[in-house]
């Protein structure tokens, strides 16, 4: 169950300090943006998993990742334990809370779930990243979201470095080397695969959401709701089957989350 927490100063690195006295699970992630509970789909994914787990948890928002164990967010704190990376957090929750986010799935379905998650996180994600950081209009909106609570000198020193870093990651992964038209074709292929698995079911593997849905819904939201309208976001938003799926996912997994 989600417990509301005060908004922590976005650029306060002390949020990563561990305290053994803390008993409630604490998620540290980027703040809400562009209609999502976290600017990062990985952060929203963990929020969904925490809600699905039934655990008591709270969220604190951060923007400076330099003190994070892996220099990225989200991070989960459990007393003196700090778990970085959304997939490591999932594994930790399954072990600590004795939950199975893929309960009821057979071996083949679990394999399909794993492949869908990898497609979304290691391919579709980078298309959404480019949408945010490449075009000047979107970048300025993202920049404002990142640095709204930061001192102006932080914006001046870091903004363009962050933009260059993010686009560099997309180029190193490979997606960033393609044209807009080629990336649109990639999105169409990714969504067609997702739609095929979904079929006429409420969720990817049946009547209830599983681990793959906790990833798919936030990542689809990122693609469909770019900071400003793009060809890719319009294509995604026009897919009624997937948009209806997103709404079912939000109703089932976004309880208490603020967008």
C-alpha atoms as a PDB file:
ATOM      1  CA  UNK A   1       0.000   0.000   0.000  1.00  0.00           C
ATOM      2  CA  UNK A   2       1.356   3.387  -1.017  1.00  0.00           C
ATOM      3  CA  UNK A   3       1.887   5.985   1.700  1.00  0.00           C
ATOM      4  CA  UNK A   4       2.162   9.622   0.688  1.00  0.00           C
ATOM      5  CA  UNK A   5       5.436  11.378   1.398  1.00  0.00           C
ATOM      6  CA  UNK A   6       6.481  15.027   1.213  1.00  0.00           C
ATOM      7  CA  UNK A   7       8.227  16.182  -1.928  1.00  0.00           C
ATOM      8  CA  UNK A   8      11.950  16.179  -1.192  1.00  0.00           C
ATOM      9  CA  UNK A   9      14.145  18.845  -2.790  1.00  0.00           C
ATOM     10  CA  UNK A  10      14.899  17.412  -6.207  1.00  0.00           C
ATOM     11  CA  UNK A  11      18.628  18.141  -6.011  1.00  0.00           C
ATOM     12  CA  UNK A  12      19.265  17.023  -2.428  1.00  0.00           C
ATOM     13  CA  UNK A  13      21.790  14.153  -2.581  1.00  0.00           C
ATOM     14  CA  UNK A  14      21.238  13.332   1.117  1.00  0.00           C
ATOM     15  CA  UNK A  15      18.190  11.328   0.089  1.00  0.00           C
ATOM     16  CA  UNK A  16      20.546   8.418  -0.643  1.00  0.00           C
ATOM     17  CA  UNK A  17      21.854   8.218   2.927  1.00  0.00           C
ATOM     18  CA  UNK A  18      20.830   4.985   4.651  1.00  0.00           C
ATOM     19  CA  UNK A  19      19.201   4.781   8.060  1.00  0.00           C
ATOM     20  CA  UNK A  20      18.775   1.508   9.900  1.00  0.00           C
ATOM     21  CA  UNK A  21      15.877   3.014  11.836  1.00  0.00           C
ATOM     22  CA  UNK A  22      13.745   3.324   8.694  1.00  0.00           C
ATOM     23  CA  UNK A  23      11.246   0.478   8.537  1.00  0.00           C
ATOM     24  CA  UNK A  24       9.114   1.325   5.509  1.00  0.00           C
ATOM     25  CA  UNK A  25      10.292   0.627   1.980  1.00  0.00           C
ATOM     26  CA  UNK A  26      11.326   3.903   0.375  1.00  0.00           C
ATOM     27  CA  UNK A  27      11.453   4.364  -3.379  1.00  0.00           C
ATOM     28  CA  UNK A  28      13.694   7.110  -4.748  1.00  0.00           C
ATOM     29  CA  UNK A  29      12.882   8.086  -8.289  1.00  0.00           C
ATOM     30  CA  UNK A  30      12.377  11.026 -10.610  1.00  0.00           C
ATOM     31  CA  UNK A  31       9.281  13.140  -9.884  1.00  0.00           C
ATOM     32  CA  UNK A  32       6.013  13.013 -11.847  1.00  0.00           C
ATOM     33  CA  UNK A  33       6.061  14.466 -15.361  1.00  0.00           C
ATOM     34  CA  UNK A  34       4.147  14.396 -18.635  1.00  0.00           C
ATOM     35  CA  UNK A  35       1.165  12.583 -17.167  1.00  0.00           C
ATOM     36  CA  UNK A  36       3.199   9.823 -15.484  1.00  0.00           C
ATOM     37  CA  UNK A  37       3.835   9.176 -11.757  1.00  0.00           C
ATOM     38  CA  UNK A  38       7.568   9.352 -12.489  1.00  0.00           C
ATOM     39  CA  UNK A  39       9.438  10.979 -15.336  1.00  0.00           C
ATOM     40  CA  UNK A  40      11.228   7.644 -15.736  1.00  0.00           C
ATOM     41  CA  UNK A  41       9.184   4.644 -16.919  1.00  0.00           C
ATOM     42  CA  UNK A  42      11.551   2.500 -14.855  1.00  0.00           C
ATOM     43  CA  UNK A  43      10.465   4.431 -11.767  1.00  0.00           C
ATOM     44  CA  UNK A  44       6.785   4.013 -12.593  1.00  0.00           C
ATOM     45  CA  UNK A  45       7.399   0.319 -13.233  1.00  0.00           C
ATOM     46  CA  UNK A  46       8.742  -0.110  -9.682  1.00  0.00           C
ATOM     47  CA  UNK A  47       5.789   1.843  -8.304  1.00  0.00           C
ATOM     48  CA  UNK A  48       3.481  -0.632 -10.038  1.00  0.00           C
ATOM     49  CA  UNK A  49       5.413  -3.590  -8.635  1.00  0.00           C
ATOM     50  CA  UNK A  50       5.299  -2.138  -5.134  1.00  0.00           C
ATOM     51  CA  UNK A  51       1.537  -1.646  -5.404  1.00  0.00           C
ATOM     52  CA  UNK A  52       1.121  -5.179  -6.739  1.00  0.00           C
ATOM     53  CA  UNK A  53       3.241  -6.584  -3.881  1.00  0.00           C
ATOM     54  CA  UNK A  54       0.879  -5.256  -1.199  1.00  0.00           C
ATOM     55  CA  UNK A  55       3.814  -3.830   0.791  1.00  0.00           C
ATOM     56  CA  UNK A  56       3.775  -0.556   2.691  1.00  0.00           C
ATOM     57  CA  UNK A  57       6.001   1.917   0.870  1.00  0.00           C
ATOM     58  CA  UNK A  58       6.665   5.569   0.343  1.00  0.00           C
ATOM     59  CA  UNK A  59       8.302   7.633  -2.391  1.00  0.00           C
ATOM     60  CA  UNK A  60      10.829  10.437  -2.339  1.00  0.00           C
ATOM     61  CA  UNK A  61      11.736  12.326  -5.484  1.00  0.00           C
ATOM     62  CA  UNK A  62      15.249  13.117  -6.622  1.00  0.00           C
ATOM     63  CA  UNK A  63      16.963  14.482  -9.693  1.00  0.00           C
ATOM     64  CA  UNK A  64      20.667  14.238  -8.922  1.00  0.00           C
ATOM     65  CA  UNK A  65      21.792  10.661  -9.550  1.00  0.00           C
ATOM     66  CA  UNK A  66      25.498  11.175  -8.804  1.00  0.00           C
ATOM     67  CA  UNK A  67      25.228   9.648  -5.319  1.00  0.00           C
ATOM     68  CA  UNK A  68      23.082   6.752  -6.484  1.00  0.00           C
ATOM     69  CA  UNK A  69      24.897   3.378  -6.393  1.00  0.00           C
ATOM     70  CA  UNK A  70      24.640   2.912 -10.159  1.00  0.00           C
ATOM     71  CA  UNK A  71      24.404   6.625 -10.999  1.00  0.00           C
ATOM     72  CA  UNK A  72      20.778   6.186 -12.056  1.00  0.00           C
ATOM     73  CA  UNK A  73      17.255   5.909 -10.684  1.00  0.00           C
ATOM     74  CA  UNK A  74      15.094   4.288  -9.373  1.00  0.00           C
ATOM     75  CA  UNK A  75      16.601   3.126  -6.089  1.00  0.00           C
ATOM     76  CA  UNK A  76      14.806   1.246  -3.308  1.00  0.00           C
ATOM     77  CA  UNK A  77      15.846   1.687   0.315  1.00  0.00           C
ATOM     78  CA  UNK A  78      14.973  -0.923   2.914  1.00  0.00           C
ATOM     79  CA  UNK A  79      16.527   0.207   6.165  1.00  0.00           C
ATOM     80  CA  UNK A  80      20.288   0.030   5.561  1.00  0.00           C
ATOM     81  CA  UNK A  81      19.826  -1.852   2.289  1.00  0.00           C
ATOM     82  CA  UNK A  82      19.988   0.067  -0.977  1.00  0.00           C
ATOM     83  CA  UNK A  83      18.850  -1.701  -4.136  1.00  0.00           C
ATOM     84  CA  UNK A  84      19.500  -0.027  -7.478  1.00  0.00           C
ATOM     85  CA  UNK A  85      18.045  -0.965 -10.897  1.00  0.00           C
ATOM     86  CA  UNK A  86      14.388  -1.784 -11.490  1.00  0.00           C
ATOM     87  CA  UNK A  87      14.976  -5.457 -12.240  1.00  0.00           C
ATOM     88  CA  UNK A  88      17.139  -5.907  -9.137  1.00  0.00           C
ATOM     89  CA  UNK A  89      14.356  -4.229  -7.143  1.00  0.00           C
ATOM     90  CA  UNK A  90      11.834  -6.653  -8.590  1.00  0.00           C
ATOM     91  CA  UNK A  91      14.003  -9.625  -7.591  1.00  0.00           C
ATOM     92  CA  UNK A  92      14.459  -8.170  -4.109  1.00  0.00           C
ATOM     93  CA  UNK A  93      10.725  -7.690  -3.611  1.00  0.00           C
ATOM     94  CA  UNK A  94       9.981 -11.220  -4.786  1.00  0.00           C
ATOM     95  CA  UNK A  95      12.500 -12.662  -2.335  1.00  0.00           C
ATOM     96  CA  UNK A  96      11.788 -10.388   0.628  1.00  0.00           C
ATOM     97  CA  UNK A  97       8.002 -10.470   0.371  1.00  0.00           C
ATOM     98  CA  UNK A  98       7.675 -13.984  -1.054  1.00  0.00           C
ATOM     99  CA  UNK A  99       5.649 -12.736  -4.016  1.00  0.00           C
ATOM    100  CA  UNK A 100       5.657 -13.963  -7.597  1.00  0.00           C
ATOM    101  CA  UNK A 101       4.784 -11.233 -10.072  1.00  0.00           C
ATOM    102  CA  UNK A 102       4.310 -13.921 -12.720  1.00  0.00           C
ATOM    103  CA  UNK A 103       2.086 -16.155 -10.624  1.00  0.00           C
ATOM    104  CA  UNK A 104       0.013 -18.490 -12.755  1.00  0.00           C
ATOM    105  CA  UNK A 105       2.256 -18.263 -15.826  1.00  0.00           C
ATOM    106  CA  UNK A 106       3.707 -21.424 -17.312  1.00  0.00           C
ATOM    107  CA  UNK A 107       7.302 -21.780 -18.475  1.00  0.00           C
ATOM    108  CA  UNK A 108       6.607 -20.575 -22.027  1.00  0.00           C
ATOM    109  CA  UNK A 109       4.601 -17.568 -20.799  1.00  0.00           C
ATOM    110  CA  UNK A 110       7.384 -16.626 -18.382  1.00  0.00           C
ATOM    111  CA  UNK A 111       9.866 -16.751 -21.249  1.00  0.00           C
ATOM    112  CA  UNK A 112       7.596 -14.583 -23.395  1.00  0.00           C
ATOM    113  CA  UNK A 113       7.215 -12.158 -20.499  1.00  0.00           C
ATOM    114  CA  UNK A 114      10.986 -11.913 -20.131  1.00  0.00           C
ATOM    115  CA  UNK A 115      11.444 -11.197 -23.839  1.00  0.00           C
ATOM    116  CA  UNK A 116       8.703  -8.541 -23.878  1.00  0.00           C
ATOM    117  CA  UNK A 117      10.294  -6.761 -20.935  1.00  0.00           C
ATOM    118  CA  UNK A 118      13.685  -6.799 -22.648  1.00  0.00           C
ATOM    119  CA  UNK A 119      12.159  -5.449 -25.872  1.00  0.00           C
ATOM    120  CA  UNK A 120      10.521  -2.575 -24.019  1.00  0.00           C
ATOM    121  CA  UNK A 121      13.429  -1.729 -21.734  1.00  0.00           C
ATOM    122  CA  UNK A 122      16.312  -2.193 -24.152  1.00  0.00           C
ATOM    123  CA  UNK A 123      14.729  -1.120 -27.445  1.00  0.00           C
ATOM    124  CA  UNK A 124      11.443   0.779 -27.149  1.00  0.00           C
ATOM    125  CA  UNK A 125      12.801   2.798 -24.223  1.00  0.00           C
ATOM    126  CA  UNK A 126      15.562   4.339 -26.310  1.00  0.00           C
ATOM    127  CA  UNK A 127      13.077   5.452 -28.946  1.00  0.00           C
ATOM    128  CA  UNK A 128      11.140   7.272 -26.236  1.00  0.00           C
ATOM    129  CA  UNK A 129      14.379   8.709 -24.877  1.00  0.00           C
ATOM    130  CA  UNK A 130      15.275  10.174 -28.275  1.00  0.00           C
ATOM    131  CA  UNK A 131      11.784  11.643 -28.527  1.00  0.00           C
ATOM    132  CA  UNK A 132      12.416  13.565 -25.330  1.00  0.00           C
ATOM    133  CA  UNK A 133      15.998  14.700 -25.803  1.00  0.00           C
ATOM    134  CA  UNK A 134      16.585  15.155 -29.539  1.00  0.00           C
ATOM    135  CA  UNK A 135      13.980  17.669 -30.733  1.00  0.00           C
ATOM    136  CA  UNK A 136      14.524  21.152 -29.338  1.00  0.00           C
ATOM    137  CA  UNK A 137      10.871  21.666 -28.360  1.00  0.00           C
ATOM    138  CA  UNK A 138      10.716  18.459 -26.340  1.00  0.00           C
ATOM    139  CA  UNK A 139      14.159  19.007 -24.835  1.00  0.00           C
ATOM    140  CA  UNK A 140      13.202  22.419 -23.487  1.00  0.00           C
ATOM    141  CA  UNK A 141      10.146  20.908 -21.802  1.00  0.00           C
ATOM    142  CA  UNK A 142      12.236  18.082 -20.358  1.00  0.00           C
ATOM    143  CA  UNK A 143      14.905  20.548 -19.257  1.00  0.00           C
ATOM    144  CA  UNK A 144      12.352  22.606 -17.375  1.00  0.00           C
ATOM    145  CA  UNK A 145      11.008  19.476 -15.690  1.00  0.00           C
ATOM    146  CA  UNK A 146      14.477  18.328 -14.600  1.00  0.00           C
ATOM    147  CA  UNK A 147      15.801  21.670 -13.376  1.00  0.00           C
ATOM    148  CA  UNK A 148      12.644  23.418 -12.171  1.00  0.00           C
ATOM    149  CA  UNK A 149      13.685  23.039  -8.514  1.00  0.00           C
ATOM    150  CA  UNK A 150      17.427  23.306  -9.084  1.00  0.00           C
ATOM    151  CA  UNK A 151      19.557  26.442  -8.697  1.00  0.00           C
ATOM    152  CA  UNK A 152      20.073  28.230 -12.007  1.00  0.00           C
ATOM    153  CA  UNK A 153      23.786  27.538 -11.934  1.00  0.00           C
ATOM    154  CA  UNK A 154      23.066  23.796 -11.835  1.00  0.00           C
ATOM    155  CA  UNK A 155      20.935  24.135 -14.963  1.00  0.00           C
ATOM    156  CA  UNK A 156      23.677  26.167 -16.644  1.00  0.00           C
ATOM    157  CA  UNK A 157      26.412  23.652 -15.825  1.00  0.00           C
ATOM    158  CA  UNK A 158      24.585  20.357 -16.305  1.00  0.00           C
ATOM    159  CA  UNK A 159      21.690  20.699 -18.754  1.00  0.00           C
ATOM    160  CA  UNK A 160      23.563  20.305 -22.021  1.00  0.00           C
ATOM    161  CA  UNK A 161      25.837  17.654 -20.513  1.00  0.00           C
ATOM    162  CA  UNK A 162      22.799  15.582 -19.541  1.00  0.00           C
ATOM    163  CA  UNK A 163      21.252  15.987 -22.980  1.00  0.00           C
ATOM    164  CA  UNK A 164      24.488  14.939 -24.671  1.00  0.00           C
ATOM    165  CA  UNK A 165      24.849  11.970 -22.311  1.00  0.00           C
ATOM    166  CA  UNK A 166      21.314  10.692 -22.925  1.00  0.00           C
ATOM    167  CA  UNK A 167      21.568  10.992 -26.704  1.00  0.00           C
ATOM    168  CA  UNK A 168      24.991   9.365 -26.510  1.00  0.00           C
ATOM    169  CA  UNK A 169      23.447   6.376 -24.745  1.00  0.00           C
ATOM    170  CA  UNK A 170      20.867   6.045 -27.515  1.00  0.00           C
ATOM    171  CA  UNK A 171      23.573   6.214 -30.170  1.00  0.00           C
ATOM    172  CA  UNK A 172      25.723   3.652 -28.366  1.00  0.00           C
ATOM    173  CA  UNK A 173      22.722   1.333 -28.080  1.00  0.00           C
ATOM    174  CA  UNK A 174      22.110   1.749 -31.805  1.00  0.00           C
ATOM    175  CA  UNK A 175      18.611   3.218 -32.002  1.00  0.00           C
ATOM    176  CA  UNK A 176      20.055   6.726 -32.024  1.00  0.00           C
ATOM    177  CA  UNK A 177      21.806   6.039 -35.334  1.00  0.00           C
ATOM    178  CA  UNK A 178      18.513   5.698 -37.190  1.00  0.00           C
ATOM    179  CA  UNK A 179      16.281   8.291 -38.837  1.00  0.00           C
ATOM    180  CA  UNK A 180      12.866   9.302 -37.504  1.00  0.00           C
ATOM    181  CA  UNK A 181      11.192   7.220 -40.206  1.00  0.00           C
ATOM    182  CA  UNK A 182      13.270   4.178 -39.294  1.00  0.00           C
ATOM    183  CA  UNK A 183      12.490   4.601 -35.605  1.00  0.00           C
ATOM    184  CA  UNK A 184       8.781   4.861 -36.388  1.00  0.00           C
ATOM    185  CA  UNK A 185       9.017   1.541 -38.209  1.00  0.00           C
ATOM    186  CA  UNK A 186      10.722   0.068 -35.141  1.00  0.00           C
ATOM    187  CA  UNK A 187       7.949   1.330 -32.875  1.00  0.00           C
ATOM    188  CA  UNK A 188       5.332  -0.184 -35.158  1.00  0.00           C
ATOM    189  CA  UNK A 189       7.084  -3.560 -34.968  1.00  0.00           C
ATOM    190  CA  UNK A 190       7.424  -3.398 -31.177  1.00  0.00           C
ATOM    191  CA  UNK A 191       3.774  -2.475 -30.683  1.00  0.00           C
ATOM    192  CA  UNK A 192       2.619  -5.138 -33.125  1.00  0.00           C
ATOM    193  CA  UNK A 193       4.472  -7.758 -31.080  1.00  0.00           C
ATOM    194  CA  UNK A 194       2.930  -6.449 -27.871  1.00  0.00           C
ATOM    195  CA  UNK A 195      -0.541  -6.341 -29.404  1.00  0.00           C
ATOM    196  CA  UNK A 196      -0.179  -9.927 -30.635  1.00  0.00           C
ATOM    197  CA  UNK A 197       0.593 -11.178 -27.136  1.00  0.00           C
ATOM    198  CA  UNK A 198      -2.217  -9.083 -25.652  1.00  0.00           C
ATOM    199  CA  UNK A 199      -4.837 -10.381 -28.081  1.00  0.00           C
ATOM    200  CA  UNK A 200      -8.319  -9.915 -26.659  1.00  0.00           C
ATOM    201  CA  UNK A 201      -7.238 -10.324 -23.030  1.00  0.00           C
ATOM    202  CA  UNK A 202      -7.431  -7.598 -20.399  1.00  0.00           C
ATOM    203  CA  UNK A 203      -3.725  -7.943 -19.690  1.00  0.00           C
ATOM    204  CA  UNK A 204      -0.794  -9.568 -21.441  1.00  0.00           C
ATOM    205  CA  UNK A 205      -1.280 -12.980 -19.860  1.00  0.00           C
ATOM    206  CA  UNK A 206      -4.837 -12.984 -18.633  1.00  0.00           C
ATOM    207  CA  UNK A 207      -7.368 -11.195 -16.473  1.00  0.00           C
ATOM    208  CA  UNK A 208      -4.837  -9.798 -13.990  1.00  0.00           C
ATOM    209  CA  UNK A 209      -1.618  -7.815 -14.478  1.00  0.00           C
ATOM    210  CA  UNK A 210       1.725  -9.555 -14.127  1.00  0.00           C
ATOM    211  CA  UNK A 211       5.330  -8.370 -14.141  1.00  0.00           C
ATOM    212  CA  UNK A 212       5.284  -7.706 -17.875  1.00  0.00           C
ATOM    213  CA  UNK A 213       2.276  -5.391 -17.525  1.00  0.00           C
ATOM    214  CA  UNK A 214       4.094  -3.413 -14.822  1.00  0.00           C
ATOM    215  CA  UNK A 215       6.711  -2.670 -17.480  1.00  0.00           C
ATOM    216  CA  UNK A 216       4.524  -2.401 -20.574  1.00  0.00           C
ATOM    217  CA  UNK A 217       2.049   0.188 -19.309  1.00  0.00           C
ATOM    218  CA  UNK A 218       4.606   2.818 -18.147  1.00  0.00           C
ATOM    219  CA  UNK A 219       6.718   2.370 -21.279  1.00  0.00           C
ATOM    220  CA  UNK A 220       3.706   2.690 -23.566  1.00  0.00           C
ATOM    221  CA  UNK A 221       2.708   5.858 -21.719  1.00  0.00           C
ATOM    222  CA  UNK A 222       6.172   7.286 -22.385  1.00  0.00           C
ATOM    223  CA  UNK A 223       5.845   6.621 -26.115  1.00  0.00           C
ATOM    224  CA  UNK A 224       2.267   7.863 -26.409  1.00  0.00           C
ATOM    225  CA  UNK A 225       2.679  10.980 -24.276  1.00  0.00           C
ATOM    226  CA  UNK A 226       5.815  12.761 -25.426  1.00  0.00           C
ATOM    227  CA  UNK A 227       6.304  16.235 -23.911  1.00  0.00           C
ATOM    228  CA  UNK A 228       5.006  17.649 -27.203  1.00  0.00           C
ATOM    229  CA  UNK A 229       3.302  15.850 -30.066  1.00  0.00           C
ATOM    230  CA  UNK A 230       5.515  13.851 -32.443  1.00  0.00           C
ATOM    231  CA  UNK A 231       4.831  11.439 -35.275  1.00  0.00           C
ATOM    232  CA  UNK A 232       5.671   8.510 -33.019  1.00  0.00           C
ATOM    233  CA  UNK A 233       3.539   9.720 -30.101  1.00  0.00           C
ATOM    234  CA  UNK A 234       0.585  10.353 -32.422  1.00  0.00           C
ATOM    235  CA  UNK A 235       0.900   6.867 -33.901  1.00  0.00           C
ATOM    236  CA  UNK A 236       0.940   5.280 -30.438  1.00  0.00           C
ATOM    237  CA  UNK A 237      -1.934   7.398 -29.138  1.00  0.00           C
ATOM    238  CA  UNK A 238      -4.053   6.415 -32.150  1.00  0.00           C
ATOM    239  CA  UNK A 239      -3.823   2.711 -31.268  1.00  0.00           C
ATOM    240  CA  UNK A 240      -7.138   2.217 -29.445  1.00  0.00           C
ATOM    241  CA  UNK A 241      -6.357  -1.357 -28.399  1.00  0.00           C
ATOM    242  CA  UNK A 242      -3.189  -0.332 -26.598  1.00  0.00           C
ATOM    243  CA  UNK A 243      -4.643   2.892 -25.224  1.00  0.00           C
ATOM    244  CA  UNK A 244      -7.528   0.934 -23.692  1.00  0.00           C
ATOM    245  CA  UNK A 245      -4.948  -1.485 -22.294  1.00  0.00           C
ATOM    246  CA  UNK A 246      -3.077   1.432 -20.724  1.00  0.00           C
ATOM    247  CA  UNK A 247      -6.252   2.635 -18.997  1.00  0.00           C
ATOM    248  CA  UNK A 248      -6.916  -0.839 -17.589  1.00  0.00           C
ATOM    249  CA  UNK A 249      -3.324  -0.997 -16.403  1.00  0.00           C
ATOM    250  CA  UNK A 250      -3.556   2.364 -14.673  1.00  0.00           C
ATOM    251  CA  UNK A 251      -6.773   1.341 -12.929  1.00  0.00           C
ATOM    252  CA  UNK A 252      -5.159  -1.867 -11.695  1.00  0.00           C
ATOM    253  CA  UNK A 253      -1.613  -0.726 -10.840  1.00  0.00           C
ATOM    254  CA  UNK A 254      -1.533   3.054 -10.344  1.00  0.00           C
ATOM    255  CA  UNK A 255      -3.549   3.155  -7.109  1.00  0.00           C
ATOM    256  CA  UNK A 256      -2.595   6.247  -5.106  1.00  0.00           C
ATOM    257  CA  UNK A 257       0.009   7.405  -7.604  1.00  0.00           C
ATOM    258  CA  UNK A 258       0.103  11.041  -8.632  1.00  0.00           C
ATOM    259  CA  UNK A 259       0.765  11.899 -12.264  1.00  0.00           C
END
